[in-house]
Protein backbone atom coordinates (compact mmCIF):
# COMPACT_ATOMS: atom_id res chain seq x y z
CA MET A 1 -10.33 -17.85 -17.90
CA HIS A 2 -10.68 -14.07 -19.37
CA LYS A 3 -10.90 -13.27 -15.85
CA GLU A 4 -7.76 -15.04 -14.81
CA THR A 5 -5.72 -13.82 -17.67
CA GLN A 6 -6.83 -10.09 -17.18
CA SER A 7 -5.83 -10.42 -13.70
CA LYS A 8 -1.98 -11.02 -14.62
CA LYS A 9 -2.09 -7.85 -16.99
CA GLN A 10 0.45 -5.17 -16.32
CA HIS A 11 1.09 -1.65 -17.89
CA VAL A 12 4.13 0.18 -17.30
CA PRO A 13 3.60 3.61 -15.60
CA GLU A 14 4.34 7.10 -16.80
CA MET A 15 7.41 7.64 -15.09
CA GLY A 16 8.61 10.73 -12.96
CA ARG A 17 11.98 11.60 -11.68
CA VAL A 18 11.77 8.61 -9.05
CA GLY A 19 8.78 6.68 -9.88
CA PRO A 20 5.55 6.41 -11.42
CA ILE A 21 4.07 10.16 -11.61
CA TRP A 22 0.97 8.93 -9.37
CA TRP A 23 3.75 7.95 -6.45
CA HIS A 24 4.89 10.98 -4.15
CA HIS A 25 8.78 11.05 -3.39
CA HIS A 26 8.39 11.32 0.68
CA GLY A 27 7.70 7.43 0.12
CA ARG A 28 11.31 6.94 0.10
CA LYS A 29 11.65 8.13 3.61
CA ILE A 30 9.16 5.27 4.78
CA ARG A 31 10.91 3.05 7.13
CA VAL A 32 9.87 0.41 9.58
CA ASP A 33 9.33 2.03 12.85
CA LYS A 34 7.45 -0.53 15.66
CA VAL A 35 6.62 -3.63 15.25
CA ASN A 36 4.81 -5.11 17.97
CA SER A 37 4.09 -9.05 17.26
CA THR A 38 2.29 -9.57 20.18
CA HIS A 39 -0.77 -7.30 19.59
CA TYR A 40 -0.01 -7.77 15.70
CA ARG A 41 0.81 -4.43 14.91
CA LEU A 42 3.64 -2.90 12.79
CA THR A 43 3.93 0.87 12.16
CA LEU A 44 5.86 2.45 8.97
CA ALA A 45 6.75 6.09 9.57
CA GLY A 46 8.92 9.04 7.56
CA ASN A 47 8.70 12.80 8.44
CA ALA A 48 5.87 13.51 6.75
CA ALA A 49 3.75 9.95 6.72
CA HIS A 50 2.90 6.88 8.70
CA LEU A 51 0.88 3.81 8.13
CA ILE A 52 -0.41 1.69 10.81
CA ILE A 53 -1.24 -2.04 10.03
CA GLU A 54 -3.19 -4.11 12.85
CA SER A 55 -4.70 -7.39 12.94
CA HIS A 56 -8.67 -6.90 12.91
CA ARG A 57 -11.44 -9.61 12.97
CA ILE A 58 -14.57 -9.05 11.56
CA ASN A 59 -17.37 -11.79 11.55
CA ARG A 60 -15.07 -14.36 12.39
CA GLN A 61 -12.47 -13.70 9.31
CA ASP A 62 -8.74 -12.18 9.88
CA LYS A 63 -8.70 -8.32 8.52
CA TRP A 64 -5.87 -6.03 8.67
CA LEU A 65 -6.85 -2.36 9.87
CA LEU A 66 -4.80 0.01 8.09
CA SER A 67 -4.52 3.72 9.40
CA TRP A 68 -2.04 6.57 7.74
CA SER A 69 -1.60 10.34 7.89
CA VAL A 70 0.22 12.32 5.71
CA THR A 71 1.15 15.56 6.56
CA GLN A 72 1.62 18.66 4.50
CA GLN A 73 4.32 20.46 6.78
CA SER A 74 4.35 23.91 4.80
CA ILE A 75 0.90 24.70 5.82
CA GLN A 76 0.69 22.25 8.85
CA GLU A 77 -2.10 20.36 7.13
CA GLY A 78 -2.76 16.75 6.31
CA ALA A 79 -5.16 14.15 5.51
CA LYS A 80 -5.84 10.86 7.59
CA GLY A 81 -7.37 7.47 6.27
CA THR A 82 -8.26 4.12 7.47
CA ILE A 83 -9.16 0.76 5.58
CA ILE A 84 -9.63 -2.99 5.95
CA PHE A 85 -7.64 -5.35 3.90
CA SER A 86 -7.96 -8.87 3.47
CA THR A 87 -4.83 -10.71 3.80
CA LEU A 88 -4.79 -11.31 0.41
CA LYS A 89 -4.58 -7.63 -0.35
CA LEU A 90 -2.19 -7.09 2.25
CA LYS A 91 0.31 -9.65 0.67
CA GLN A 92 -0.30 -7.99 -2.97
CA ALA A 93 0.09 -4.55 -1.69
CA PHE A 94 3.19 -5.42 -0.37
CA GLY A 95 4.41 -7.55 -3.47
CA LEU A 96 4.29 -10.74 -1.11
CA ALA A 97 1.69 -12.07 -4.13
CA ASP A 98 0.99 -11.53 -7.67
CA GLY A 99 -2.58 -10.10 -8.57
CA VAL A 100 -4.96 -7.61 -10.23
CA ASP A 101 -8.66 -7.15 -8.73
CA PRO A 102 -10.54 -8.12 -11.99
CA SER A 103 -12.58 -5.09 -11.36
CA SER A 104 -9.48 -2.91 -11.15
CA GLN A 105 -8.05 -3.57 -14.36
CA TRP A 106 -8.68 -0.29 -15.42
CA LEU A 107 -6.50 1.07 -12.75
CA VAL A 108 -3.51 -0.89 -14.23
CA THR A 109 -4.66 0.18 -17.76
CA ARG A 110 -5.22 3.90 -17.17
CA TYR A 111 -2.25 4.64 -14.41
CA GLY A 112 0.05 1.74 -15.21
CA ALA A 113 0.80 -1.29 -12.34
CA GLU A 114 1.68 -4.51 -11.36
CA SER A 115 -0.76 -4.84 -8.79
CA ALA A 116 -3.68 -2.93 -7.70
CA SER A 117 -7.22 -3.20 -6.15
CA GLN A 118 -9.52 0.00 -6.56
CA PHE A 119 -10.35 1.59 -3.28
CA TYR A 120 -7.50 -0.22 -1.40
CA PHE A 121 -3.95 0.42 -3.47
CA ILE A 122 -1.88 0.55 -6.76
CA ARG A 123 1.39 -0.64 -6.66
CA TRP A 124 4.13 -0.89 -9.58
CA LYS A 125 7.52 -2.64 -8.24
CA GLN A 126 8.41 -1.40 -5.15
CA HIS A 127 6.29 1.80 -5.24
CA LEU A 128 2.82 1.60 -3.06
CA ASN A 129 0.04 3.79 -2.70
CA ILE A 130 -2.83 3.76 -0.58
CA PRO A 131 -5.59 3.64 -1.10
CA CYS A 132 -5.24 5.45 -4.74
CA PRO A 133 -2.72 6.84 -7.10
CA GLY A 134 -2.14 10.61 -6.52
CA THR A 135 -0.31 13.62 -8.48
CA GLY A 136 2.91 12.68 -6.93
CA ASN A 137 2.80 16.15 -5.55
CA ASP A 138 2.07 17.47 -2.05
CA GLY A 139 -1.45 17.29 -0.84
CA ASP A 140 -2.41 14.15 -1.94
CA PRO A 141 -4.45 12.39 0.65
CA ASN A 142 -2.87 8.78 0.10
CA ILE A 143 0.19 7.61 1.52
CA SER A 144 3.49 6.49 -0.94
CA ILE A 145 5.96 3.84 0.46
CA LEU A 146 9.12 2.82 -1.23
CA ILE A 147 8.57 -1.29 -0.49
CA ASP A 148 12.38 -2.23 0.83
CA GLU A 149 13.37 -5.84 1.85
CA GLU A 150 12.80 -4.64 5.21
CA ILE A 151 9.23 -3.46 5.05
CA GLN A 152 8.53 -6.67 3.10
CA GLU A 153 9.89 -8.77 5.52
CA ALA A 154 8.09 -7.04 8.55
CA VAL A 155 4.70 -7.20 6.59
CA ARG A 156 5.47 -10.95 6.15
CA GLN A 157 6.11 -11.55 9.79
CA LEU A 158 3.35 -9.81 10.72
CA ILE A 159 1.06 -12.14 8.72
CA ASN A 160 2.79 -15.21 9.96
CA SER A 161 2.71 -14.25 13.32
CA ASP A 162 -1.19 -13.76 13.02
CA GLN A 163 -1.57 -17.00 11.63
CA ASP A 164 0.32 -19.20 14.44
């Protein structure tokens, strides 16, 4: 019972001008770029970052491969990453399901979040970072996304198309 209660705790993050201090303002520029339901693939993109979400089967389990890149255009450098999400983690990251991984409650307490899973994501309302909180400044290796209705619906449709 304690873990169940603990998994529902949330803390308000310290806020910057446009969101939590761990979230980068370029996340407001991320939009749905491409949807390919035949290949179970969704691309979200902005001018300095992009994220590809695609179906990935491992050991007979449906998973999601997330690949992102962030470019710091002023110095022509950037960071890239990949991670594999379960369907539940993908839903939690994009606000389609609630919950905090019990081992990640410390992230919620320290940084402020509604949902989080260490190594995967942190989210406060529509402000999402994959795979972790950042400084909110240029040079962070994580991707920040402001989840709007279009993004949320695209993720929902991607998940549903893979389950058909």
